[in-house]
Amino acid sequence: MPAPRVVERLLARCRTRRLTKGEAALESGTVADEVLFVGPGLLRMIRTDADGTVRTSQFFDESQAITDPVSFLTGRASDQRIEAVEPTLVLTIPKDPLLAAYEEDHAIERFGRLLVEEALIGTQLRASRLLNLSVEERYETFLRTRPEVARRLPQYLIASYLGVTPEALSRIRGRIARKR
């Protein structure tokens, strides 16, 4: 169990932030210097290709933590944007107080490690699905594993996540409906 004083000091440095739909929690080109815990709402992490195509890499909903780990750990500018899909409340935890809390209390450090492990597993599963599953299988997996998130998203954002056009997703949905 974490020491109360360490938690109190860490929480004193945290802030809540209300994001409006489309508002950035992290802009591409800036350094990720905080971790965000998502309260009510929904965020997405996106990257814009050289041709201007916006690609969604992941969605984050209630009780999930998000940051750009490469930027956060190296101090380099992020090449990703984190934005609100709907009005969202986030708790921001600044990097320096978080790292200090890790040093002071191993229970907090262990919690951070578990969050990183969860993120690593999610990233590995996403990469594996992109390499090994058809778009239709990825869509069905998304519906099965994240049904609440899928219900909250417009079709064009799901298409962006799957790496297809909204029209292609519409055809996939039609094929799935005909199978059933």
C-alpha atoms as a PDB file:
ATOM      1  CA  MET A   1       0.000   0.000   0.000  1.00  0.00           C
ATOM      2  CA  PRO A   2       1.411   3.418  -0.971  1.00  0.00           C
ATOM      3  CA  ALA A   3       2.514   5.799   1.748  1.00  0.00           C
ATOM      4  CA  PRO A   4      -0.214   8.431   2.267  1.00  0.00           C
ATOM      5  CA  ARG A   5       2.232  11.373   2.261  1.00  0.00           C
ATOM      6  CA  VAL A   6       3.711  10.361  -1.097  1.00  0.00           C
ATOM      7  CA  VAL A   7       0.245   9.999  -2.623  1.00  0.00           C
ATOM      8  CA  GLU A   8      -0.857  13.344  -1.164  1.00  0.00           C
ATOM      9  CA  ARG A   9       2.202  15.113  -2.625  1.00  0.00           C
ATOM     10  CA  LEU A  10       1.624  13.497  -6.012  1.00  0.00           C
ATOM     11  CA  LEU A  11      -2.087  14.334  -6.050  1.00  0.00           C
ATOM     12  CA  ALA A  12      -1.317  17.937  -5.085  1.00  0.00           C
ATOM     13  CA  ARG A  13       0.607  18.255  -8.379  1.00  0.00           C
ATOM     14  CA  CYS A  14      -2.159  16.653 -10.469  1.00  0.00           C
ATOM     15  CA  ARG A  15      -4.819  18.676 -12.230  1.00  0.00           C
ATOM     16  CA  THR A  16      -8.139  17.879 -13.804  1.00  0.00           C
ATOM     17  CA  ARG A  17      -8.809  19.112 -17.281  1.00  0.00           C
ATOM     18  CA  ARG A  18     -12.047  19.182 -19.249  1.00  0.00           C
ATOM     19  CA  LEU A  19     -11.577  18.626 -22.952  1.00  0.00           C
ATOM     20  CA  THR A  20     -14.180  19.502 -25.535  1.00  0.00           C
ATOM     21  CA  LYS A  21     -14.825  17.259 -28.532  1.00  0.00           C
ATOM     22  CA  GLY A  22     -11.843  17.561 -30.901  1.00  0.00           C
ATOM     23  CA  GLU A  23      -9.640  19.347 -28.365  1.00  0.00           C
ATOM     24  CA  ALA A  24      -6.055  18.121 -28.066  1.00  0.00           C
ATOM     25  CA  ALA A  25      -4.676  16.765 -24.823  1.00  0.00           C
ATOM     26  CA  LEU A  26      -1.305  16.442 -26.594  1.00  0.00           C
ATOM     27  CA  GLU A  27      -0.346  18.167 -29.831  1.00  0.00           C
ATOM     28  CA  SER A  28       1.994  16.587 -32.324  1.00  0.00           C
ATOM     29  CA  GLY A  29       5.329  18.404 -32.155  1.00  0.00           C
ATOM     30  CA  THR A  30       5.192  18.952 -28.390  1.00  0.00           C
ATOM     31  CA  VAL A  31       6.792  16.894 -25.638  1.00  0.00           C
ATOM     32  CA  ALA A  32       4.547  14.573 -23.631  1.00  0.00           C
ATOM     33  CA  ASP A  33       5.400  15.619 -20.081  1.00  0.00           C
ATOM     34  CA  GLU A  34       2.408  14.125 -18.312  1.00  0.00           C
ATOM     35  CA  VAL A  35       0.315  10.987 -18.058  1.00  0.00           C
ATOM     36  CA  LEU A  36      -3.422  11.335 -18.492  1.00  0.00           C
ATOM     37  CA  PHE A  37      -5.980   9.218 -16.649  1.00  0.00           C
ATOM     38  CA  VAL A  38      -9.259   9.253 -18.505  1.00  0.00           C
ATOM     39  CA  GLY A  39     -12.398   9.960 -16.509  1.00  0.00           C
ATOM     40  CA  PRO A  40     -15.768  10.187 -18.215  1.00  0.00           C
ATOM     41  CA  GLY A  41     -15.128  10.520 -21.939  1.00  0.00           C
ATOM     42  CA  LEU A  42     -13.142   9.064 -24.791  1.00  0.00           C
ATOM     43  CA  LEU A  43      -9.758   9.946 -26.305  1.00  0.00           C
ATOM     44  CA  ARG A  44      -7.989   8.778 -29.427  1.00  0.00           C
ATOM     45  CA  MET A  45      -4.322   8.745 -30.365  1.00  0.00           C
ATOM     46  CA  ILE A  46      -3.684   9.742 -33.960  1.00  0.00           C
ATOM     47  CA  ARG A  47      -0.817  10.192 -36.369  1.00  0.00           C
ATOM     48  CA  THR A  48      -0.955  12.127 -39.623  1.00  0.00           C
ATOM     49  CA  ASP A  49       0.839  10.505 -42.568  1.00  0.00           C
ATOM     50  CA  ALA A  50       3.012  12.501 -44.979  1.00  0.00           C
ATOM     51  CA  ASP A  51       0.092  12.597 -47.440  1.00  0.00           C
ATOM     52  CA  GLY A  52      -2.181  14.144 -44.794  1.00  0.00           C
ATOM     53  CA  THR A  53      -4.115  10.966 -43.972  1.00  0.00           C
ATOM     54  CA  VAL A  54      -5.085  10.833 -40.298  1.00  0.00           C
ATOM     55  CA  ARG A  55      -4.707   7.376 -38.740  1.00  0.00           C
ATOM     56  CA  THR A  56      -6.137   6.389 -35.380  1.00  0.00           C
ATOM     57  CA  SER A  57      -3.811   4.089 -33.486  1.00  0.00           C
ATOM     58  CA  GLN A  58      -5.876   3.578 -30.329  1.00  0.00           C
ATOM     59  CA  PHE A  59      -8.870   4.655 -28.278  1.00  0.00           C
ATOM     60  CA  PHE A  60      -8.766   5.286 -24.535  1.00  0.00           C
ATOM     61  CA  ASP A  61     -11.870   5.369 -22.380  1.00  0.00           C
ATOM     62  CA  GLU A  62     -12.724   5.576 -18.703  1.00  0.00           C
ATOM     63  CA  SER A  63     -10.034   4.449 -16.223  1.00  0.00           C
ATOM     64  CA  GLN A  64      -7.288   4.074 -18.820  1.00  0.00           C
ATOM     65  CA  ALA A  65      -3.960   5.894 -18.769  1.00  0.00           C
ATOM     66  CA  ILE A  66      -2.469   7.485 -21.858  1.00  0.00           C
ATOM     67  CA  THR A  67       0.636   9.327 -22.945  1.00  0.00           C
ATOM     68  CA  ASP A  68       3.044   9.124 -25.857  1.00  0.00           C
ATOM     69  CA  PRO A  69       5.571   6.803 -24.199  1.00  0.00           C
ATOM     70  CA  VAL A  70       8.436   7.572 -26.593  1.00  0.00           C
ATOM     71  CA  SER A  71       8.085  11.315 -26.073  1.00  0.00           C
ATOM     72  CA  PHE A  72       7.454  10.939 -22.322  1.00  0.00           C
ATOM     73  CA  LEU A  73      10.542   8.773 -21.750  1.00  0.00           C
ATOM     74  CA  THR A  74      12.976  10.469 -24.155  1.00  0.00           C
ATOM     75  CA  GLY A  75      11.866  14.106 -23.989  1.00  0.00           C
ATOM     76  CA  ARG A  76      11.587  14.234 -27.789  1.00  0.00           C
ATOM     77  CA  ALA A  77       8.656  15.900 -29.510  1.00  0.00           C
ATOM     78  CA  SER A  78       5.713  13.624 -30.101  1.00  0.00           C
ATOM     79  CA  ASP A  79       4.683  12.653 -33.615  1.00  0.00           C
ATOM     80  CA  GLN A  80       1.207  11.832 -32.337  1.00  0.00           C
ATOM     81  CA  ARG A  81      -1.820  13.802 -31.246  1.00  0.00           C
ATOM     82  CA  ILE A  82      -4.139  12.809 -28.423  1.00  0.00           C
ATOM     83  CA  GLU A  83      -7.594  14.309 -28.803  1.00  0.00           C
ATOM     84  CA  ALA A  84     -11.043  14.051 -27.294  1.00  0.00           C
ATOM     85  CA  VAL A  85     -13.603  12.117 -29.324  1.00  0.00           C
ATOM     86  CA  GLU A  86     -16.309  13.414 -27.003  1.00  0.00           C
ATOM     87  CA  PRO A  87     -16.272  15.768 -24.004  1.00  0.00           C
ATOM     88  CA  THR A  88     -13.736  14.180 -21.649  1.00  0.00           C
ATOM     89  CA  LEU A  89     -12.446  14.746 -18.146  1.00  0.00           C
ATOM     90  CA  VAL A  90      -8.796  13.808 -17.579  1.00  0.00           C
ATOM     91  CA  LEU A  91      -6.542  13.782 -14.546  1.00  0.00           C
ATOM     92  CA  THR A  92      -3.080  14.991 -15.562  1.00  0.00           C
ATOM     93  CA  ILE A  93      -0.055  13.673 -13.701  1.00  0.00           C
ATOM     94  CA  PRO A  94       3.135  15.625 -14.446  1.00  0.00           C
ATOM     95  CA  LYS A  95       6.248  13.585 -15.238  1.00  0.00           C
ATOM     96  CA  ASP A  96       8.643  14.929 -12.595  1.00  0.00           C
ATOM     97  CA  PRO A  97       6.338  14.443  -9.580  1.00  0.00           C
ATOM     98  CA  LEU A  98       5.384  10.995 -10.898  1.00  0.00           C
ATOM     99  CA  LEU A  99       9.029   9.919 -11.205  1.00  0.00           C
ATOM    100  CA  ALA A 100       9.731  11.320  -7.727  1.00  0.00           C
ATOM    101  CA  ALA A 101       6.822   9.283  -6.335  1.00  0.00           C
ATOM    102  CA  TYR A 102       8.260   6.174  -8.027  1.00  0.00           C
ATOM    103  CA  GLU A 103      11.550   6.793  -6.215  1.00  0.00           C
ATOM    104  CA  GLU A 104       9.871   7.343  -2.848  1.00  0.00           C
ATOM    105  CA  ASP A 105       7.362   4.513  -2.861  1.00  0.00           C
ATOM    106  CA  HIS A 106       7.708   1.122  -4.522  1.00  0.00           C
ATOM    107  CA  ALA A 107       3.939   0.515  -4.462  1.00  0.00           C
ATOM    108  CA  ILE A 108       3.463   3.557  -6.731  1.00  0.00           C
ATOM    109  CA  GLU A 109       6.368   2.420  -8.904  1.00  0.00           C
ATOM    110  CA  ARG A 110       4.788  -1.053  -9.162  1.00  0.00           C
ATOM    111  CA  PHE A 111       1.466   0.533 -10.176  1.00  0.00           C
ATOM    112  CA  GLY A 112       3.283   2.475 -12.904  1.00  0.00           C
ATOM    113  CA  ARG A 113       5.017  -0.682 -14.087  1.00  0.00           C
ATOM    114  CA  LEU A 114       1.666  -2.479 -14.324  1.00  0.00           C
ATOM    115  CA  LEU A 115       0.259   0.375 -16.432  1.00  0.00           C
ATOM    116  CA  VAL A 116       3.272   0.152 -18.753  1.00  0.00           C
ATOM    117  CA  GLU A 117       2.877  -3.618 -19.009  1.00  0.00           C
ATOM    118  CA  GLU A 118      -0.807  -3.236 -19.883  1.00  0.00           C
ATOM    119  CA  ALA A 119       0.065  -0.676 -22.565  1.00  0.00           C
ATOM    120  CA  LEU A 120       2.799  -2.917 -23.969  1.00  0.00           C
ATOM    121  CA  ILE A 121       0.407  -5.857 -24.196  1.00  0.00           C
ATOM    122  CA  GLY A 122      -2.168  -3.659 -25.952  1.00  0.00           C
ATOM    123  CA  THR A 123       0.415  -2.409 -28.434  1.00  0.00           C
ATOM    124  CA  GLN A 124       1.641  -5.937 -29.149  1.00  0.00           C
ATOM    125  CA  LEU A 125      -1.895  -7.253 -29.670  1.00  0.00           C
ATOM    126  CA  ARG A 126      -2.703  -4.345 -32.001  1.00  0.00           C
ATOM    127  CA  ALA A 127       0.438  -4.957 -34.068  1.00  0.00           C
ATOM    128  CA  SER A 128      -0.257  -8.687 -34.234  1.00  0.00           C
ATOM    129  CA  ARG A 129      -3.840  -8.108 -35.377  1.00  0.00           C
ATOM    130  CA  LEU A 130      -2.709  -5.673 -38.066  1.00  0.00           C
ATOM    131  CA  LEU A 131      -0.243  -8.234 -39.405  1.00  0.00           C
ATOM    132  CA  ASN A 132      -2.282 -11.415 -39.055  1.00  0.00           C
ATOM    133  CA  LEU A 133      -5.971 -10.600 -39.360  1.00  0.00           C
ATOM    134  CA  SER A 134      -8.040  -9.418 -42.285  1.00  0.00           C
ATOM    135  CA  VAL A 135      -9.827  -6.092 -41.939  1.00  0.00           C
ATOM    136  CA  GLU A 136     -13.094  -7.973 -41.379  1.00  0.00           C
ATOM    137  CA  GLU A 137     -11.507 -10.032 -38.593  1.00  0.00           C
ATOM    138  CA  ARG A 138     -10.006  -6.886 -37.024  1.00  0.00           C
ATOM    139  CA  TYR A 139     -13.419  -5.222 -37.096  1.00  0.00           C
ATOM    140  CA  GLU A 140     -15.106  -8.230 -35.486  1.00  0.00           C
ATOM    141  CA  THR A 141     -12.358  -8.384 -32.845  1.00  0.00           C
ATOM    142  CA  PHE A 142     -12.814  -4.676 -32.107  1.00  0.00           C
ATOM    143  CA  LEU A 143     -16.568  -5.138 -31.721  1.00  0.00           C
ATOM    144  CA  ARG A 144     -16.048  -8.125 -29.443  1.00  0.00           C
ATOM    145  CA  THR A 145     -13.313  -6.652 -27.254  1.00  0.00           C
ATOM    146  CA  ARG A 146     -14.426  -2.994 -27.106  1.00  0.00           C
ATOM    147  CA  PRO A 147     -18.224  -3.063 -27.653  1.00  0.00           C
ATOM    148  CA  GLU A 148     -18.951   0.013 -25.531  1.00  0.00           C
ATOM    149  CA  VAL A 149     -16.302   2.077 -27.310  1.00  0.00           C
ATOM    150  CA  ALA A 150     -17.564   0.881 -30.712  1.00  0.00           C
ATOM    151  CA  ARG A 151     -21.085   2.062 -29.849  1.00  0.00           C
ATOM    152  CA  ARG A 152     -19.787   5.544 -29.040  1.00  0.00           C
ATOM    153  CA  LEU A 153     -17.790   6.046 -32.239  1.00  0.00           C
ATOM    154  CA  PRO A 154     -18.856   7.286 -35.658  1.00  0.00           C
ATOM    155  CA  GLN A 155     -18.070   4.905 -38.499  1.00  0.00           C
ATOM    156  CA  TYR A 156     -15.313   7.097 -39.963  1.00  0.00           C
ATOM    157  CA  LEU A 157     -13.275   6.858 -36.721  1.00  0.00           C
ATOM    158  CA  ILE A 158     -13.631   3.081 -36.603  1.00  0.00           C
ATOM    159  CA  ALA A 159     -12.533   2.989 -40.253  1.00  0.00           C
ATOM    160  CA  SER A 160      -9.500   5.125 -39.400  1.00  0.00           C
ATOM    161  CA  TYR A 161      -8.605   2.719 -36.590  1.00  0.00           C
ATOM    162  CA  LEU A 162      -8.927  -0.272 -38.920  1.00  0.00           C
ATOM    163  CA  GLY A 163      -6.926   1.429 -41.676  1.00  0.00           C
ATOM    164  CA  VAL A 164      -9.722   1.478 -44.264  1.00  0.00           C
ATOM    165  CA  THR A 165     -12.047   4.043 -45.793  1.00  0.00           C
ATOM    166  CA  PRO A 166     -15.532   4.518 -44.335  1.00  0.00           C
ATOM    167  CA  GLU A 167     -16.915   3.103 -47.594  1.00  0.00           C
ATOM    168  CA  ALA A 168     -14.852  -0.080 -47.231  1.00  0.00           C
ATOM    169  CA  LEU A 169     -16.036  -0.435 -43.636  1.00  0.00           C
ATOM    170  CA  SER A 170     -19.624  -0.062 -44.822  1.00  0.00           C
ATOM    171  CA  ARG A 171     -19.091  -2.958 -47.261  1.00  0.00           C
ATOM    172  CA  ILE A 172     -17.523  -5.067 -44.497  1.00  0.00           C
ATOM    173  CA  ARG A 173     -20.467  -4.352 -42.205  1.00  0.00           C
ATOM    174  CA  GLY A 174     -22.830  -5.399 -45.000  1.00  0.00           C
ATOM    175  CA  ARG A 175     -20.983  -8.699 -45.517  1.00  0.00           C
ATOM    176  CA  ILE A 176     -21.089  -9.424 -41.793  1.00  0.00           C
ATOM    177  CA  ALA A 177     -24.807  -8.617 -41.650  1.00  0.00           C
ATOM    178  CA  ARG A 178     -25.522 -10.946 -44.585  1.00  0.00           C
ATOM    179  CA  LYS A 179     -23.599 -13.782 -42.887  1.00  0.00           C
ATOM    180  CA  ARG A 180     -25.796 -13.473 -39.821  1.00  0.00           C
END
